[in-house]
Amino acid sequence: MNFELLFRAGAQRTHSVSGSPEPEVVRYALTGAGGGFARTLLAQTRLIGRLMPTVLCDLDLAGLRKLCLELGYEAASLVECANAEAVRALAPRQIALVSDVNLLDPAAFDILVEATGNPSVGYRAARAALQAKCHVAMVSKEVDAVAGVALARFAANQGVVYTTADGDQPSNLIGWVSWARTLGLDIVAAGKSSEYDLVFDAASGEVTQLDERFPAPELASLMTLGDDVAATLAARREALRGRKTSATADYCEMSVVATNTGLVPDVELLHYPIARTTELADIYALREDGGVLSRRGVIDVFNMLRRPDEASFAGGVFVVVRTHDAPTWALLAQKGHVVSRNGRYACLYLPYHFMGVETPITLLEAVLHGRPTGAARPTQCAVLAGRATTPLKAGTVLQMGGHHHDVAGVQAVLLERSAAGANVAPLYLAAHATLVRDVAAGELLTLDHLQGVDEALLGAWRAGTV
């Protein structure tokens, strides 16, 4: 990413009274505007004169107005609009607050930031924006996992940008993989840390994860990776006594990364090692070199294990690469970089993701320079699918909900597309559909299992897989 080009004048749209050029102002519409991601973007926008929201969409307009006022937006600039005419009638610098995505007037914005998390609603909003030749920054990974390839192809045909959004882990990892490939590095694995660290306090023998605290005294003797990597990882998992360490959202995000990079899962549940940052180059090595991987070119997620006084990985991203010149990597190891004990692998990482604080970079890049964060022509090399965790009866509605948008009774899995079969159902196409026949525990959901799917979303899925 060329930050100098980005922040120089670029295209000019308006002129001051004196006739001197003023920087182009990039206007964005935002769906899911009352959510946590939206808050971080709206807050950051207040610091950037070249960027402004013009249409904010959320079901809770009262809450949205309250949020905007809290962030310092002027009350007079916030106008609730119940129809398209009201949106079109707004004066410059006014912001439309709407509760219906159908009121996203493309004449009012240059780029749509889609953050509903709703596969059907998000797809329609994105498709409509692209149809009107507006750019789209996709934050809703649930949409991207089903329709991202089709939307990217449609955007290319329309001459506009469809992109993931910087600040979110998929976009950050896609960019990091691209950076490593540009340097000619041989990527063995790439991934991110899970959402919340496992923080072990040796004094109490307890682990804190977000606001939960539980005993795991066995970890005291497992804070150093043993010579048998797999054995240490298995012992750490045993010390957690069956606590869940994976999340549907992680699988979904990695499916987006796969689509944009061509990296694929090594195993469908991912490895999810409980690991410390300094161990990643040893863990994400090939099995013949003592690691856990059966092949190179994979994506994965790890659970960050650390002590209370150690820095967090902060939901950051990494690539593990083969070292190509021993003296170079020995020098880098001396400078504190993470190199495997055998010297054959190195882990290069970014310990952060800043959500909407960083997203303005994507919006400015897309509108001013026509550049996406992700691949211009992604391919559906992996599929976010689902396996029934319990027998599911015909007539069951596959409800989606919760913080991580889990589908009740279904385990998210990430499959290599070539091995999944053409009939496998993407998880977020199955969400809210009805089963037309029984599904056995452990069985993959297929398109034949479902009725009442969103036909437009199904069409996008099929278009993206050919």
Protein backbone atom coordinates (compact mmCIF):
# COMPACT_ATOMS: atom_id res chain seq x y z
CA MET A 1 0.00 0.00 0.00
CA ASN A 2 1.43 3.37 -1.03
CA PHE A 3 0.59 5.76 1.81
CA GLU A 4 2.35 8.71 0.13
CA LEU A 5 0.13 8.39 -2.94
CA LEU A 6 -2.90 7.89 -0.76
CA PHE A 7 -2.49 11.08 1.20
CA ARG A 8 -1.34 13.29 -1.65
CA ALA A 9 -3.99 15.16 -3.54
CA GLY A 10 -5.23 12.38 -5.82
CA ALA A 11 -8.27 13.25 -7.88
CA GLN A 12 -9.85 16.66 -7.26
CA ARG A 13 -13.57 17.18 -7.03
CA THR A 14 -14.17 20.60 -5.47
CA HIS A 15 -12.48 24.00 -5.41
CA SER A 16 -12.32 26.66 -2.76
CA VAL A 17 -13.54 30.24 -3.33
CA SER A 18 -9.99 31.30 -4.16
CA GLY A 19 -9.79 28.71 -6.91
CA SER A 20 -7.15 26.55 -5.23
CA PRO A 21 -7.93 22.82 -5.30
CA GLU A 22 -9.31 21.09 -2.23
CA PRO A 23 -8.77 17.38 -1.55
CA GLU A 24 -11.50 15.06 -2.72
CA VAL A 25 -13.88 14.08 0.05
CA VAL A 26 -14.73 10.40 0.08
CA ARG A 27 -18.34 9.76 1.08
CA TYR A 28 -19.38 6.45 2.55
CA ALA A 29 -22.58 4.68 3.48
CA LEU A 30 -22.47 2.31 6.45
CA THR A 31 -24.81 -0.56 7.26
CA GLY A 32 -24.93 -2.09 10.73
CA ALA A 33 -24.09 1.44 11.80
CA GLY A 34 -24.99 0.91 15.45
CA GLY A 35 -22.53 -1.95 16.02
CA GLY A 36 -19.11 -2.11 17.63
CA PHE A 37 -17.15 -2.05 14.39
CA ALA A 38 -19.24 0.88 13.15
CA ARG A 39 -18.49 2.87 16.26
CA THR A 40 -14.75 2.57 15.74
CA LEU A 41 -15.08 3.70 12.12
CA LEU A 42 -17.38 6.61 12.91
CA ALA A 43 -15.08 7.73 15.71
CA GLN A 44 -12.01 7.61 13.46
CA THR A 45 -13.82 9.44 10.67
CA ARG A 46 -14.08 12.48 12.96
CA LEU A 47 -10.28 12.83 12.68
CA ILE A 48 -10.10 12.66 8.87
CA GLY A 49 -11.24 15.69 6.90
CA ARG A 50 -11.22 13.82 3.59
CA LEU A 51 -13.74 11.22 4.76
CA MET A 52 -17.36 11.58 5.77
CA PRO A 53 -20.39 9.35 6.36
CA THR A 54 -23.43 10.37 4.33
CA VAL A 55 -25.88 7.50 4.93
CA LEU A 56 -25.98 5.42 8.12
CA CYS A 57 -28.28 2.40 8.25
CA ASP A 58 -29.34 0.53 11.37
CA LEU A 59 -32.57 -0.94 12.69
CA ASP A 60 -32.23 1.06 15.92
CA LEU A 61 -32.36 4.67 14.77
CA ALA A 62 -32.67 6.08 18.27
CA GLY A 63 -29.57 4.17 19.35
CA LEU A 64 -27.74 5.23 16.19
CA ARG A 65 -28.53 8.90 16.78
CA LYS A 66 -27.36 8.60 20.39
CA LEU A 67 -24.11 7.00 19.25
CA CYS A 68 -23.43 9.73 16.70
CA LEU A 69 -24.08 12.48 19.25
CA GLU A 70 -21.80 10.75 21.74
CA LEU A 71 -19.05 10.75 19.10
CA GLY A 72 -19.46 14.49 18.50
CA TYR A 73 -21.51 14.62 15.33
CA GLU A 74 -23.73 17.71 15.28
CA ALA A 75 -27.37 17.07 16.06
CA ALA A 76 -28.53 19.26 13.17
CA SER A 77 -26.54 17.14 10.71
CA LEU A 78 -28.32 13.90 11.67
CA VAL A 79 -31.56 13.55 9.72
CA GLU A 80 -33.83 10.51 10.04
CA CYS A 81 -35.21 9.64 6.61
CA ALA A 82 -38.22 7.41 6.04
CA ASN A 83 -38.13 7.39 2.24
CA ALA A 84 -35.83 7.89 -0.72
CA GLU A 85 -37.06 11.40 -1.39
CA ALA A 86 -35.98 12.51 2.06
CA VAL A 87 -32.51 11.05 1.53
CA ARG A 88 -32.12 12.81 -1.81
CA ALA A 89 -33.29 16.12 -0.32
CA LEU A 90 -30.49 16.35 2.25
CA ALA A 91 -28.13 19.30 2.14
CA PRO A 92 -24.34 18.88 1.91
CA ARG A 93 -22.74 17.75 5.20
CA GLN A 94 -26.01 16.30 6.44
CA ILE A 95 -26.12 12.59 7.28
CA ALA A 96 -29.12 10.39 6.51
CA LEU A 97 -30.12 7.95 9.25
CA VAL A 98 -32.18 5.12 7.76
CA SER A 99 -33.48 1.77 8.99
CA ASP A 100 -33.91 0.13 5.58
CA VAL A 101 -31.04 -0.82 3.24
CA ASN A 102 -33.34 -0.01 0.32
CA LEU A 103 -32.88 3.66 1.27
CA LEU A 104 -29.14 3.58 0.56
CA ASP A 105 -29.21 6.10 -2.27
CA PRO A 106 -26.08 5.46 -4.40
CA ALA A 107 -26.02 9.10 -5.44
CA ALA A 108 -25.18 9.94 -1.83
CA PHE A 109 -22.01 7.88 -1.43
CA ASP A 110 -18.88 6.68 -3.19
CA ILE A 111 -18.39 3.46 -1.24
CA LEU A 112 -20.61 1.22 0.87
CA VAL A 113 -19.21 -0.28 4.07
CA GLU A 114 -21.34 -3.39 4.59
CA ALA A 115 -21.33 -4.43 8.27
CA THR A 116 -24.76 -5.94 8.97
CA GLY A 117 -23.44 -9.48 9.48
CA ASN A 118 -26.65 -10.64 7.80
CA PRO A 119 -25.94 -12.79 4.71
CA SER A 120 -29.13 -11.98 2.80
CA VAL A 121 -29.44 -8.29 3.69
CA GLY A 122 -25.73 -7.67 3.26
CA TYR A 123 -25.60 -9.38 -0.11
CA ARG A 124 -28.49 -7.33 -1.47
CA ALA A 125 -27.04 -4.08 -0.20
CA ALA A 126 -23.63 -4.84 -1.71
CA ARG A 127 -25.03 -5.99 -5.03
CA ALA A 128 -27.21 -2.88 -5.33
CA ALA A 129 -24.25 -0.60 -4.61
CA LEU A 130 -22.09 -2.34 -7.22
CA GLN A 131 -24.96 -2.22 -9.71
CA ALA A 132 -24.98 1.56 -9.25
CA LYS A 133 -21.18 1.61 -9.76
CA CYS A 134 -20.34 2.40 -6.16
CA HIS A 135 -17.42 0.64 -4.49
CA VAL A 136 -18.01 -1.83 -1.65
CA ALA A 137 -15.88 -2.55 1.43
CA MET A 138 -17.17 -5.82 2.87
CA VAL A 139 -16.95 -6.20 6.64
CA SER A 140 -19.67 -8.87 6.89
CA LYS A 141 -17.61 -12.04 6.58
CA GLU A 142 -20.87 -13.99 6.58
CA VAL A 143 -21.73 -12.38 3.23
CA ASP A 144 -18.24 -12.78 1.84
CA ALA A 145 -18.09 -16.48 2.75
CA VAL A 146 -21.06 -17.16 0.46
CA ALA A 147 -21.05 -14.44 -2.18
CA GLY A 148 -17.62 -12.81 -2.08
CA VAL A 149 -16.34 -14.36 -5.31
CA ALA A 150 -19.49 -13.47 -7.24
CA LEU A 151 -19.51 -9.92 -5.87
CA ALA A 152 -15.84 -9.40 -6.72
CA ARG A 153 -16.41 -10.60 -10.28
CA PHE A 154 -19.45 -8.38 -10.65
CA ALA A 155 -17.50 -5.39 -9.32
CA ALA A 156 -14.74 -6.00 -11.86
CA ASN A 157 -17.30 -6.05 -14.65
CA GLN A 158 -18.75 -2.78 -13.31
CA GLY A 159 -15.35 -1.14 -13.14
CA VAL A 160 -15.48 -0.60 -9.36
CA VAL A 161 -13.78 -2.07 -6.31
CA TYR A 162 -15.04 -4.85 -4.06
CA THR A 163 -12.69 -5.32 -1.13
CA THR A 164 -12.23 -6.57 2.37
CA ALA A 165 -11.68 -3.81 4.94
CA ASP A 166 -8.40 -3.04 6.68
CA GLY A 167 -8.64 -3.26 10.45
CA ASP A 168 -10.49 -6.56 10.26
CA GLN A 169 -8.40 -9.74 10.48
CA PRO A 170 -9.17 -11.16 7.01
CA SER A 171 -8.05 -8.00 5.25
CA ASN A 172 -4.97 -7.62 7.43
CA LEU A 173 -3.94 -11.23 6.80
CA ILE A 174 -4.59 -11.00 3.06
CA GLY A 175 -2.36 -7.95 2.95
CA TRP A 176 0.33 -9.66 5.02
CA VAL A 177 0.33 -12.71 2.75
CA SER A 178 0.59 -10.43 -0.28
CA TRP A 179 3.51 -8.61 1.35
CA ALA A 180 5.35 -11.89 2.01
CA ARG A 181 4.72 -13.15 -1.52
CA THR A 182 5.96 -9.89 -3.02
CA LEU A 183 9.22 -10.48 -1.15
CA GLY A 184 9.45 -13.97 -2.66
CA LEU A 185 9.04 -15.72 0.68
CA ASP A 186 7.87 -19.34 0.70
CA ILE A 187 4.73 -19.33 2.85
CA VAL A 188 4.20 -22.54 4.78
CA ALA A 189 1.29 -21.30 6.88
CA ALA A 190 -0.65 -18.14 7.57
CA GLY A 191 -3.27 -17.29 10.14
CA LYS A 192 -4.34 -15.29 13.14
CA SER A 193 -4.83 -15.60 16.86
CA SER A 194 -8.27 -16.36 18.23
CA GLU A 195 -10.36 -13.59 19.74
CA TYR A 196 -9.39 -13.79 23.42
CA ASP A 197 -6.03 -14.76 24.97
CA LEU A 198 -5.56 -17.50 27.54
CA VAL A 199 -3.71 -15.66 30.31
CA PHE A 200 -2.07 -18.03 32.79
CA ASP A 201 -1.20 -16.86 36.31
CA ALA A 202 1.38 -19.26 37.76
CA ALA A 203 0.80 -17.93 41.29
CA SER A 204 -2.83 -19.01 41.33
CA GLY A 205 -2.71 -21.77 38.71
CA GLU A 206 -5.66 -20.11 36.97
CA VAL A 207 -6.37 -18.97 33.45
CA THR A 208 -8.24 -15.77 32.62
CA GLN A 209 -10.01 -15.52 29.28
CA LEU A 210 -11.86 -12.24 28.84
CA ASP A 211 -14.11 -12.09 31.93
CA GLU A 212 -13.90 -15.79 32.81
CA ARG A 213 -11.42 -17.34 35.22
CA PHE A 214 -10.86 -21.08 35.71
CA PRO A 215 -8.24 -23.42 37.19
CA ALA A 216 -5.62 -25.02 34.93
CA PRO A 217 -2.66 -25.69 37.25
CA GLU A 218 -1.09 -28.22 34.87
CA LEU A 219 -0.11 -25.35 32.56
CA ALA A 220 2.60 -24.32 35.01
CA SER A 221 4.85 -27.09 33.68
CA LEU A 222 3.75 -26.61 30.07
CA MET A 223 4.70 -22.99 29.40
CA THR A 224 7.77 -24.11 27.44
CA LEU A 225 7.37 -26.06 24.22
CA GLY A 226 8.88 -29.50 24.62
CA ASP A 227 10.92 -31.39 22.04
CA ASP A 228 7.76 -33.30 21.10
CA VAL A 229 5.65 -30.38 19.87
CA ALA A 230 2.47 -32.41 19.35
CA ALA A 231 2.72 -33.88 22.87
CA THR A 232 3.08 -30.44 24.49
CA LEU A 233 0.11 -29.10 22.54
CA ALA A 234 -2.02 -32.11 23.49
CA ALA A 235 -1.10 -31.70 27.17
CA ARG A 236 -2.02 -28.01 27.11
CA ARG A 237 -5.41 -28.81 25.60
CA GLU A 238 -5.97 -31.49 28.24
CA ALA A 239 -5.20 -28.90 30.92
CA LEU A 240 -8.18 -26.84 29.72
CA ARG A 241 -10.50 -29.75 30.51
CA GLY A 242 -12.58 -29.65 27.38
CA ARG A 243 -13.17 -25.90 27.21
CA LYS A 244 -14.09 -24.70 23.74
CA THR A 245 -11.24 -22.87 22.03
CA SER A 246 -12.63 -22.44 18.51
CA ALA A 247 -15.23 -20.05 17.12
CA THR A 248 -17.49 -20.03 14.08
CA ALA A 249 -16.31 -16.50 13.34
CA ASP A 250 -12.71 -17.72 13.03
CA TYR A 251 -13.64 -20.37 10.47
CA CYS A 252 -15.63 -17.78 8.55
CA GLU A 253 -12.78 -15.29 8.50
CA MET A 254 -10.31 -17.92 7.33
CA SER A 255 -12.65 -18.85 4.49
CA VAL A 256 -12.45 -15.24 3.31
CA VAL A 257 -8.66 -15.37 3.51
CA ALA A 258 -8.60 -18.63 1.58
CA THR A 259 -10.73 -17.16 -1.21
CA ASN A 260 -8.38 -14.21 -1.58
CA THR A 261 -5.03 -15.98 -1.21
CA GLY A 262 -5.46 -19.57 -2.39
CA LEU A 263 -4.31 -20.90 0.98
CA VAL A 264 -6.36 -23.86 2.21
CA PRO A 265 -7.07 -25.60 5.55
CA ASP A 266 -4.79 -28.44 6.60
CA VAL A 267 -7.64 -30.05 8.59
CA GLU A 268 -11.31 -29.06 8.55
CA LEU A 269 -11.45 -28.02 12.23
CA LEU A 270 -8.08 -26.23 11.91
CA HIS A 271 -5.28 -27.09 14.32
CA TYR A 272 -6.00 -24.38 16.90
CA PRO A 273 -2.80 -24.96 18.91
CA ILE A 274 -2.55 -23.34 22.33
CA ALA A 275 0.65 -21.48 21.69
CA ARG A 276 2.95 -18.68 22.68
CA THR A 277 4.16 -16.23 20.06
CA THR A 278 7.75 -17.43 20.25
CA GLU A 279 6.65 -20.98 19.39
CA LEU A 280 4.75 -20.36 16.17
CA ALA A 281 7.65 -21.11 13.81
CA ASP A 282 8.18 -24.48 15.50
CA ILE A 283 4.49 -25.40 15.63
CA TYR A 284 3.59 -24.38 12.08
CA ALA A 285 6.34 -26.47 10.55
CA LEU A 286 5.90 -29.61 8.48
CA ARG A 287 5.59 -32.83 10.44
CA GLU A 288 8.92 -34.11 9.16
CA ASP A 289 10.47 -31.04 10.80
CA GLY A 290 8.67 -31.56 14.10
CA GLY A 291 5.61 -29.37 13.47
CA VAL A 292 1.92 -30.12 13.05
CA LEU A 293 1.38 -29.53 9.33
CA SER A 294 0.88 -32.21 6.71
CA ARG A 295 1.57 -29.79 3.84
CA ARG A 296 2.60 -26.23 3.07
CA GLY A 297 0.36 -23.37 1.96
CA VAL A 298 -2.25 -23.65 4.71
CA ILE A 299 -4.30 -21.31 6.86
CA ASP A 300 -4.97 -21.79 10.55
CA VAL A 301 -5.86 -20.16 13.88
CA PHE A 302 -4.06 -20.43 17.22
CA ASN A 303 -5.06 -19.71 20.80
CA MET A 304 -2.68 -17.23 22.39
CA LEU A 305 -1.20 -18.46 25.69
CA ARG A 306 0.66 -15.89 27.76
CA ARG A 307 1.50 -14.73 31.25
CA PRO A 308 -0.23 -11.64 32.71
CA ASP A 309 2.87 -9.48 32.18
CA GLU A 310 3.37 -10.48 28.55
CA ALA A 311 2.01 -8.60 25.55
CA SER A 312 -1.06 -9.87 23.78
CA PHE A 313 -1.09 -10.95 20.13
CA ALA A 314 -4.20 -8.72 20.02
CA GLY A 315 -6.02 -10.78 17.42
CA GLY A 316 -3.12 -10.20 15.08
CA VAL A 317 -1.97 -12.11 12.00
CA PHE A 318 1.10 -14.09 10.99
CA VAL A 319 2.86 -15.94 8.22
CA VAL A 320 5.31 -18.76 8.75
CA VAL A 321 7.90 -18.99 5.98
CA ARG A 322 10.84 -21.17 5.11
CA THR A 323 14.16 -19.52 5.81
CA HIS A 324 16.23 -19.25 2.64
CA ASP A 325 19.65 -18.09 3.83
CA ALA A 326 20.92 -19.30 7.20
CA PRO A 327 23.13 -16.27 8.03
CA THR A 328 20.29 -13.85 7.19
CA TRP A 329 17.85 -15.55 9.52
CA ALA A 330 20.46 -16.11 12.23
CA LEU A 331 21.03 -12.35 12.19
CA LEU A 332 17.28 -11.72 12.37
CA ALA A 333 16.95 -14.18 15.24
CA GLN A 334 19.61 -12.23 17.11
CA LYS A 335 17.46 -9.14 16.65
CA GLY A 336 14.53 -10.87 18.31
CA HIS A 337 12.60 -12.25 15.36
CA VAL A 338 10.88 -15.61 15.77
CA VAL A 339 12.90 -18.37 14.11
CA SER A 340 12.35 -22.08 14.72
CA ARG A 341 14.78 -24.03 16.84
CA ASN A 342 16.08 -25.89 13.78
CA GLY A 343 16.47 -22.63 11.85
CA ARG A 344 14.29 -23.78 8.92
CA TYR A 345 11.20 -21.66 9.58
CA ALA A 346 10.45 -18.11 10.69
CA CYS A 347 7.26 -16.45 11.89
CA LEU A 348 6.57 -12.88 10.74
CA TYR A 349 3.64 -11.30 12.51
CA LEU A 350 1.58 -8.18 13.11
CA PRO A 351 0.23 -8.22 16.69
CA TYR A 352 -2.85 -6.08 16.14
CA HIS A 353 -6.11 -5.53 14.34
CA PHE A 354 -7.64 -2.12 14.86
CA MET A 355 -11.16 -2.61 13.48
CA GLY A 356 -12.70 0.58 12.10
CA VAL A 357 -9.78 2.69 13.30
CA GLU A 358 -7.83 1.38 10.30
CA THR A 359 -10.68 1.02 7.78
CA PRO A 360 -10.38 4.60 6.40
CA ILE A 361 -7.22 3.46 4.60
CA THR A 362 -9.29 0.95 2.62
CA LEU A 363 -12.01 3.48 1.82
CA LEU A 364 -9.57 6.10 0.56
CA GLU A 365 -7.53 3.54 -1.40
CA ALA A 366 -10.62 2.10 -3.10
CA VAL A 367 -12.21 5.41 -4.08
CA LEU A 368 -9.14 7.52 -4.87
CA HIS A 369 -6.95 4.84 -6.45
CA GLY A 370 -9.26 1.96 -7.37
CA ARG A 371 -7.31 -0.58 -5.36
CA PRO A 372 -8.81 -3.44 -3.32
CA THR A 373 -7.17 -4.98 -0.27
CA GLY A 374 -8.06 -8.48 -1.40
CA ALA A 375 -7.55 -10.28 -4.67
CA ALA A 376 -9.14 -8.63 -7.69
CA ARG A 377 -10.16 -12.09 -8.92
CA PRO A 378 -10.65 -14.34 -5.88
CA THR A 379 -11.44 -18.03 -6.32
CA GLN A 380 -13.60 -20.34 -4.22
CA CYS A 381 -10.78 -22.68 -3.19
CA ALA A 382 -12.32 -23.33 0.24
CA VAL A 383 -15.83 -23.46 1.63
CA LEU A 384 -17.14 -22.65 5.08
CA ALA A 385 -19.50 -25.58 5.65
CA GLY A 386 -21.26 -27.20 8.60
CA ARG A 387 -21.48 -30.63 10.23
CA ALA A 388 -24.40 -31.53 12.43
CA THR A 389 -23.31 -31.92 16.05
CA THR A 390 -26.51 -33.75 16.96
CA PRO A 391 -29.25 -35.50 14.95
CA LEU A 392 -31.40 -32.86 13.25
CA LYS A 393 -34.95 -33.66 12.22
CA ALA A 394 -36.68 -32.67 8.99
CA GLY A 395 -38.54 -29.42 9.56
CA THR A 396 -35.82 -27.95 11.78
CA VAL A 397 -35.06 -24.30 11.10
CA LEU A 398 -31.31 -23.72 11.28
CA GLN A 399 -31.28 -20.66 13.51
CA MET A 400 -28.26 -18.37 13.46
CA GLY A 401 -27.43 -16.17 16.44
CA GLY A 402 -25.09 -15.22 19.25
CA HIS A 403 -21.95 -13.12 19.27
CA HIS A 404 -20.17 -15.40 16.78
CA HIS A 405 -23.23 -16.05 14.57
CA ASP A 406 -23.28 -19.76 15.36
CA VAL A 407 -25.84 -21.99 13.66
CA ALA A 408 -27.68 -24.08 16.25
CA GLY A 409 -26.78 -27.77 16.18
CA VAL A 410 -24.04 -27.27 13.59
CA GLN A 411 -20.25 -27.16 13.85
CA ALA A 412 -18.54 -24.84 11.40
CA VAL A 413 -15.85 -26.57 9.35
CA LEU A 414 -13.50 -25.26 6.68
CA LEU A 415 -13.07 -27.56 3.69
CA GLU A 416 -10.88 -27.43 0.64
CA ARG A 417 -13.32 -26.83 -2.17
CA SER A 418 -11.92 -29.56 -4.42
CA ALA A 419 -12.60 -32.16 -1.73
CA ALA A 420 -15.92 -30.81 -0.45
CA GLY A 421 -18.11 -31.79 -3.37
CA ALA A 422 -20.31 -29.57 -5.49
CA ASN A 423 -23.40 -30.13 -3.33
CA VAL A 424 -21.99 -29.01 0.02
CA ALA A 425 -23.94 -26.10 1.50
CA PRO A 426 -22.08 -22.99 2.63
CA LEU A 427 -22.91 -22.43 6.29
CA TYR A 428 -24.41 -18.97 5.91
CA LEU A 429 -26.61 -20.03 3.04
CA ALA A 430 -27.97 -22.78 5.32
CA ALA A 431 -28.57 -20.29 8.16
CA HIS A 432 -32.31 -19.75 8.70
CA ALA A 433 -33.20 -22.36 6.05
CA THR A 434 -35.41 -25.36 6.86
CA LEU A 435 -34.29 -28.99 6.66
CA VAL A 436 -36.32 -31.11 4.26
CA ARG A 437 -34.94 -34.39 5.62
CA ASP A 438 -33.20 -35.74 8.69
CA VAL A 439 -29.49 -35.05 9.11
CA ALA A 440 -27.39 -37.49 11.12
CA ALA A 441 -24.89 -36.30 13.70
CA GLY A 442 -21.55 -35.77 11.96
CA GLU A 443 -23.13 -35.38 8.52
CA LEU A 444 -22.24 -32.43 6.32
CA LEU A 445 -25.08 -30.11 5.39
CA THR A 446 -25.75 -30.16 1.65
CA LEU A 447 -27.93 -28.10 -0.64
CA ASP A 448 -30.28 -31.08 -0.91
CA HIS A 449 -31.00 -30.82 2.82
CA LEU A 450 -32.41 -27.31 2.55
CA GLN A 451 -35.52 -25.48 1.57
CA GLY A 452 -36.40 -21.82 1.97
CA VAL A 453 -32.89 -20.63 1.16
CA ASP A 454 -32.39 -17.12 -0.14
CA GLU A 455 -32.51 -17.70 -3.91
CA ALA A 456 -30.45 -14.60 -4.72
CA LEU A 457 -27.73 -15.70 -2.30
CA LEU A 458 -27.84 -19.24 -3.70
CA GLY A 459 -27.43 -17.81 -7.18
CA ALA A 460 -24.40 -15.84 -6.05
CA TRP A 461 -22.86 -18.94 -4.46
CA ARG A 462 -23.33 -20.97 -7.64
CA ALA A 463 -21.98 -18.16 -9.80
CA GLY A 464 -18.87 -17.94 -7.65
CA THR A 465 -18.09 -21.65 -7.80
CA VAL A 466 -17.94 -22.00 -11.59
